[in-house]
C-alpha atoms as a PDB file:
ATOM      1  CA  MET A   1       0.117   0.219   0.036  1.00  0.00           C
ATOM      2  CA  SER A   2       1.284   3.257  -0.962  1.00  0.00           C
ATOM      3  CA  ARG A   3       1.551   6.273   1.368  1.00  0.00           C
ATOM      4  CA  GLU A   4      -0.538   8.212  -0.361  1.00  0.00           C
ATOM      5  CA  ASP A   5      -3.241   5.079  -0.108  1.00  0.00           C
ATOM      6  CA  ALA A   6      -2.715   4.916   3.702  1.00  0.00           C
ATOM      7  CA  LEU A   7      -3.296   8.658   4.059  1.00  0.00           C
ATOM      8  CA  LYS A   8      -6.233   9.211   2.121  1.00  0.00           C
ATOM      9  CA  ASP A   9      -8.862   7.992   4.792  1.00  0.00           C
ATOM     10  CA  TYR A  10      -7.393  10.741   7.465  1.00  0.00           C
ATOM     11  CA  VAL A  11      -8.181  13.865   8.516  1.00  0.00           C
ATOM     12  CA  GLU A  12      -5.905  17.008   9.308  1.00  0.00           C
ATOM     13  CA  VAL A  13      -6.551  17.943  12.725  1.00  0.00           C
ATOM     14  CA  ASN A  14      -7.402  21.395  11.811  1.00  0.00           C
ATOM     15  CA  VAL A  15     -10.434  20.052  10.331  1.00  0.00           C
ATOM     16  CA  ARG A  16     -11.616  18.367  13.522  1.00  0.00           C
ATOM     17  CA  ILE A  17     -11.070  21.437  15.378  1.00  0.00           C
ATOM     18  CA  GLU A  18     -13.269  23.294  13.098  1.00  0.00           C
ATOM     19  CA  LYS A  19     -15.877  20.626  13.174  1.00  0.00           C
ATOM     20  CA  PHE A  20     -15.556  20.763  17.015  1.00  0.00           C
ATOM     21  CA  TYR A  21     -16.301  24.572  17.415  1.00  0.00           C
ATOM     22  CA  GLU A  22     -19.460  24.222  15.106  1.00  0.00           C
ATOM     23  CA  LYS A  23     -21.112  21.699  17.197  1.00  0.00           C
ATOM     24  CA  TYR A  24     -19.636  22.954  20.357  1.00  0.00           C
ATOM     25  CA  PRO A  25     -19.359  27.099  20.213  1.00  0.00           C
ATOM     26  CA  ASP A  26     -18.716  27.220  23.944  1.00  0.00           C
ATOM     27  CA  GLY A  27     -16.194  24.432  23.488  1.00  0.00           C
ATOM     28  CA  SER A  28     -12.639  24.640  24.742  1.00  0.00           C
ATOM     29  CA  ILE A  29      -9.468  22.808  23.609  1.00  0.00           C
ATOM     30  CA  GLN A  30      -6.669  23.084  26.362  1.00  0.00           C
ATOM     31  CA  THR A  31      -3.780  21.147  26.196  1.00  0.00           C
ATOM     32  CA  GLU A  32      -0.528  20.300  29.058  1.00  0.00           C
ATOM     33  CA  ILE A  33       2.767  19.083  28.864  1.00  0.00           C
ATOM     34  CA  THR A  34       2.875  15.924  31.246  1.00  0.00           C
ATOM     35  CA  TYR A  35       6.441  14.992  30.515  1.00  0.00           C
ATOM     36  CA  LEU A  36       9.592  16.652  29.018  1.00  0.00           C
ATOM     37  CA  ASP A  37      13.270  15.774  28.626  1.00  0.00           C
ATOM     38  CA  ASN A  38      16.131  16.678  26.323  1.00  0.00           C
ATOM     39  CA  ASP A  39      14.468  14.901  23.426  1.00  0.00           C
ATOM     40  CA  LYS A  40      10.903  13.537  24.697  1.00  0.00           C
ATOM     41  CA  VAL A  41       7.637  15.258  25.125  1.00  0.00           C
ATOM     42  CA  ILE A  42       4.390  14.248  26.167  1.00  0.00           C
ATOM     43  CA  ILE A  43       1.148  15.983  26.040  1.00  0.00           C
ATOM     44  CA  LYS A  44      -2.304  15.733  27.316  1.00  0.00           C
ATOM     45  CA  ALA A  45      -4.920  17.371  25.436  1.00  0.00           C
ATOM     46  CA  TYR A  46      -8.645  18.219  26.977  1.00  0.00           C
ATOM     47  CA  ALA A  47     -11.684  18.918  24.787  1.00  0.00           C
ATOM     48  CA  TYR A  48     -14.238  20.204  26.976  1.00  0.00           C
ATOM     49  CA  ARG A  49     -17.537  20.364  25.091  1.00  0.00           C
ATOM     50  CA  ASP A  50     -18.558  23.575  27.404  1.00  0.00           C
ATOM     51  CA  ARG A  51     -17.658  25.306  30.435  1.00  0.00           C
ATOM     52  CA  GLU A  52     -19.727  23.006  32.789  1.00  0.00           C
ATOM     53  CA  ASP A  53     -17.924  19.778  31.239  1.00  0.00           C
ATOM     54  CA  THR A  54     -16.838  17.486  33.890  1.00  0.00           C
ATOM     55  CA  LYS A  55     -15.798  14.813  31.650  1.00  0.00           C
ATOM     56  CA  PRO A  56     -14.039  16.143  28.649  1.00  0.00           C
ATOM     57  CA  ALA A  57     -12.351  13.718  26.208  1.00  0.00           C
ATOM     58  CA  THR A  58      -8.986  13.241  26.592  1.00  0.00           C
ATOM     59  CA  GLY A  59      -6.215  12.581  23.782  1.00  0.00           C
ATOM     60  CA  HIS A  60      -2.622  11.794  24.554  1.00  0.00           C
ATOM     61  CA  ALA A  61       0.838  11.993  22.216  1.00  0.00           C
ATOM     62  CA  MET A  62       4.391  11.257  22.175  1.00  0.00           C
ATOM     63  CA  GLU A  63       7.166  12.731  20.076  1.00  0.00           C
ATOM     64  CA  LYS A  64      11.085  12.451  20.274  1.00  0.00           C
ATOM     65  CA  GLU A  65      13.188  15.455  18.927  1.00  0.00           C
ATOM     66  CA  GLY A  66      14.347  14.608  15.479  1.00  0.00           C
ATOM     67  CA  SER A  67      12.556  11.557  14.764  1.00  0.00           C
ATOM     68  CA  SER A  68      11.308  13.006  11.856  1.00  0.00           C
ATOM     69  CA  PHE A  69      11.696  15.847   9.593  1.00  0.00           C
ATOM     70  CA  ILE A  70       9.036  18.092  11.382  1.00  0.00           C
ATOM     71  CA  ASN A  71      10.446  16.890  14.631  1.00  0.00           C
ATOM     72  CA  LYS A  72      13.970  18.444  14.133  1.00  0.00           C
ATOM     73  CA  THR A  73      12.564  21.853  14.640  1.00  0.00           C
ATOM     74  CA  SER A  74       9.128  21.265  16.388  1.00  0.00           C
ATOM     75  CA  HIS A  75       8.537  18.109  18.035  1.00  0.00           C
ATOM     76  CA  ILE A  76       6.700  19.742  20.742  1.00  0.00           C
ATOM     77  CA  GLU A  77       4.252  21.649  18.764  1.00  0.00           C
ATOM     78  CA  ASN A  78       3.806  18.352  16.582  1.00  0.00           C
ATOM     79  CA  CYS A  79       2.982  16.325  19.762  1.00  0.00           C
ATOM     80  CA  GLU A  80       0.502  18.799  20.873  1.00  0.00           C
ATOM     81  CA  THR A  81      -1.375  18.662  17.608  1.00  0.00           C
ATOM     82  CA  SER A  82      -1.373  15.026  17.892  1.00  0.00           C
ATOM     83  CA  ALA A  83      -2.700  14.854  21.418  1.00  0.00           C
ATOM     84  CA  VAL A  84      -5.685  17.462  20.398  1.00  0.00           C
ATOM     85  CA  GLY A  85      -6.375  15.304  17.284  1.00  0.00           C
ATOM     86  CA  ARG A  86      -6.631  11.966  19.064  1.00  0.00           C
ATOM     87  CA  ALA A  87      -9.053  14.003  21.961  1.00  0.00           C
ATOM     88  CA  LEU A  88     -11.211  15.334  19.266  1.00  0.00           C
ATOM     89  CA  ALA A  89     -11.131  12.047  17.459  1.00  0.00           C
ATOM     90  CA  ILE A  90     -12.431  10.310  20.856  1.00  0.00           C
ATOM     91  CA  LEU A  91     -15.483  12.563  20.701  1.00  0.00           C
ATOM     92  CA  GLY A  92     -16.219  11.161  16.800  1.00  0.00           C
ATOM     93  CA  PHE A  93     -14.985  14.200  14.848  1.00  0.00           C
ATOM     94  CA  GLU A  94     -13.797  13.130  11.456  1.00  0.00           C
ATOM     95  CA  VAL A  95     -13.022   9.460  12.600  1.00  0.00           C
ATOM     96  CA  LYS A  96     -13.314   7.029   9.839  1.00  0.00           C
ATOM     97  CA  LYS A  97     -10.803   4.016  10.060  1.00  0.00           C
ATOM     98  CA  SER A  98      -8.458   5.262  12.780  1.00  0.00           C
ATOM     99  CA  VAL A  99      -8.208   7.604  16.056  1.00  0.00           C
ATOM    100  CA  ALA A 100      -4.857   8.716  14.506  1.00  0.00           C
ATOM    101  CA  SER A 101      -4.388  11.785  13.025  1.00  0.00           C
ATOM    102  CA  LYS A 102      -3.134  12.135   9.342  1.00  0.00           C
ATOM    103  CA  GLU A 103       0.374  13.603  10.685  1.00  0.00           C
ATOM    104  CA  GLU A 104       0.522  10.772  13.127  1.00  0.00           C
ATOM    105  CA  VAL A 105      -0.185   8.323  10.208  1.00  0.00           C
ATOM    106  CA  GLU A 106       2.630  10.087   8.021  1.00  0.00           C
ATOM    107  CA  ASN A 107       5.221   9.739  10.561  1.00  0.00           C
ATOM    108  CA  ALA A 108       4.332   6.210  11.298  1.00  0.00           C
ATOM    109  CA  LYS A 109       4.727   5.434   7.241  1.00  0.00           C
ATOM    110  CA  LEU A 110       8.192   7.237   7.143  1.00  0.00           C
ATOM    111  CA  ASN A 111       9.570   5.063  10.123  1.00  0.00           C
ATOM    112  CA  GLN A 112       8.469   1.840   8.691  1.00  0.00           C
ATOM    113  CA  ASP A 113      10.245   3.111   5.619  1.00  0.00           C
ATOM    114  CA  GLY A 114      13.619   3.490   7.579  1.00  0.00           C
ATOM    115  CA  PRO A 115      16.258   1.204   7.670  1.00  0.00           C
ATOM    116  CA  SER A 116      16.105  -2.155   8.711  1.00  0.00           C
ATOM    117  CA  LYS A 117      17.697  -3.316  12.551  1.00  0.00           C
ATOM    118  CA  ALA A 118      20.261  -5.410  10.001  1.00  0.00           C
ATOM    119  CA  THR A 119      21.366  -2.773   8.188  1.00  0.00           C
ATOM    120  CA  ILE A 120      21.784  -0.243  11.430  1.00  0.00           C
ATOM    121  CA  LYS A 121      23.754  -3.023  12.797  1.00  0.00           C
ATOM    122  CA  SER A 122      25.971  -3.377   9.759  1.00  0.00           C
ATOM    123  CA  LYS A 123      26.785   0.321   9.793  1.00  0.00           C
ATOM    124  CA  TYR A 124      27.574   0.448  13.409  1.00  0.00           C
ATOM    125  CA  GLU A 125      29.937  -2.404  13.423  1.00  0.00           C
ATOM    126  CA  SER A 126      31.328  -0.805  10.430  1.00  0.00           C
ATOM    127  CA  ILE A 127      31.857   2.686  12.025  1.00  0.00           C
ATOM    128  CA  GLY A 128      33.283   0.269  15.273  1.00  0.00           C
ATOM    129  CA  ALA A 129      35.823  -1.424  12.764  1.00  0.00           C
ATOM    130  CA  LYS A 130      36.733   1.974  11.705  1.00  0.00           C
ATOM    131  CA  MET A 131      37.490   3.450  14.796  1.00  0.00           C
ATOM    132  CA  ASP A 132      39.379   0.453  16.065  1.00  0.00           C
ATOM    133  CA  ASP A 133      41.695   1.147  13.150  1.00  0.00           C
ATOM    134  CA  PHE A 134      41.789   4.902  13.781  1.00  0.00           C
ATOM    135  CA  GLU A 135      42.852   4.396  17.325  1.00  0.00           C
ATOM    136  CA  ALA A 136      45.713   1.882  16.458  1.00  0.00           C
ATOM    137  CA  TRP A 137      46.698   4.681  13.980  1.00  0.00           C
ATOM    138  CA  TYR A 138      46.755   7.583  16.374  1.00  0.00           C
ATOM    139  CA  SER A 139      48.739   5.381  19.319  1.00  0.00           C
ATOM    140  CA  GLU A 140      51.492   5.035  16.639  1.00  0.00           C
ATOM    141  CA  GLN A 141      51.382   8.645  16.008  1.00  0.00           C
ATOM    142  CA  VAL A 142      51.205   9.377  19.773  1.00  0.00           C
ATOM    143  CA  SER A 143      54.224   7.264  19.904  1.00  0.00           C
ATOM    144  CA  LYS A 144      56.139   8.386  17.250  1.00  0.00           C
ATOM    145  CA  TYR A 145      55.688  12.211  17.598  1.00  0.00           C
ATOM    146  CA  ASN A 146      55.515  12.514  21.504  1.00  0.00           C
ATOM    147  CA  LEU A 147      52.027  14.113  21.524  1.00  0.00           C
ATOM    148  CA  ASN A 148      50.952  12.936  25.188  1.00  0.00           C
ATOM    149  CA  GLN A 149      49.357  16.225  25.995  1.00  0.00           C
ATOM    150  CA  ILE A 150      47.262  15.898  22.897  1.00  0.00           C
ATOM    151  CA  ASP A 151      46.398  12.295  23.087  1.00  0.00           C
ATOM    152  CA  ALA A 152      45.333  13.080  27.130  1.00  0.00           C
ATOM    153  CA  PHE A 153      42.817  15.674  25.846  1.00  0.00           C
ATOM    154  CA  LEU A 154      41.693  13.681  22.524  1.00  0.00           C
ATOM    155  CA  THR A 155      41.273  10.613  24.596  1.00  0.00           C
ATOM    156  CA  LYS A 156      39.147  11.948  27.293  1.00  0.00           C
ATOM    157  CA  LYS A 157      36.835  13.818  24.351  1.00  0.00           C
ATOM    158  CA  LEU A 158      36.411  10.344  22.554  1.00  0.00           C
ATOM    159  CA  LYS A 159      35.464   8.933  25.905  1.00  0.00           C
ATOM    160  CA  GLU A 160      33.155  11.517  26.432  1.00  0.00           C
ATOM    161  CA  LYS A 161      31.526  10.824  23.378  1.00  0.00           C
ATOM    162  CA  ARG A 162      31.593   7.295  23.539  1.00  0.00           C
ATOM    163  CA  GLY A 163      29.654   7.465  26.803  1.00  0.00           C
ATOM    164  CA  ALA A 164      32.626   5.753  28.677  1.00  0.00           C
END
């Protein structure tokens, strides 16, 4: 199934928002960040039908910074949009085949089309072998040209990069 076929039955969140306010003109959509760290955010959205609504529909979403093109610069905004879309879908707005928003489906399809685990493992092992070759060459240069002070600095930086 092509990406276009997978997305044709999904509705963008802005359409769900318009429909919500048409039906509930006194309604309110509110969001809160429930978790935030260096690269991940979780947002909860509430869709109140009116000011007296004690049981609003809710929706949650999680996004990782850099996990998709849009998330390189806007993972919090993208997460909020997804959470709102899910809350409105719970109320039945523009749900055809899934609660997921069009944006969520696009993101999932992009991630499915990514490299396989075997490819990633192969690249990782290849890089590791190259690093081993470089470290052997570098050690030889340190000894040959008496670069001990530079070696100490670069060794420290290399360990920091590797998380050692």
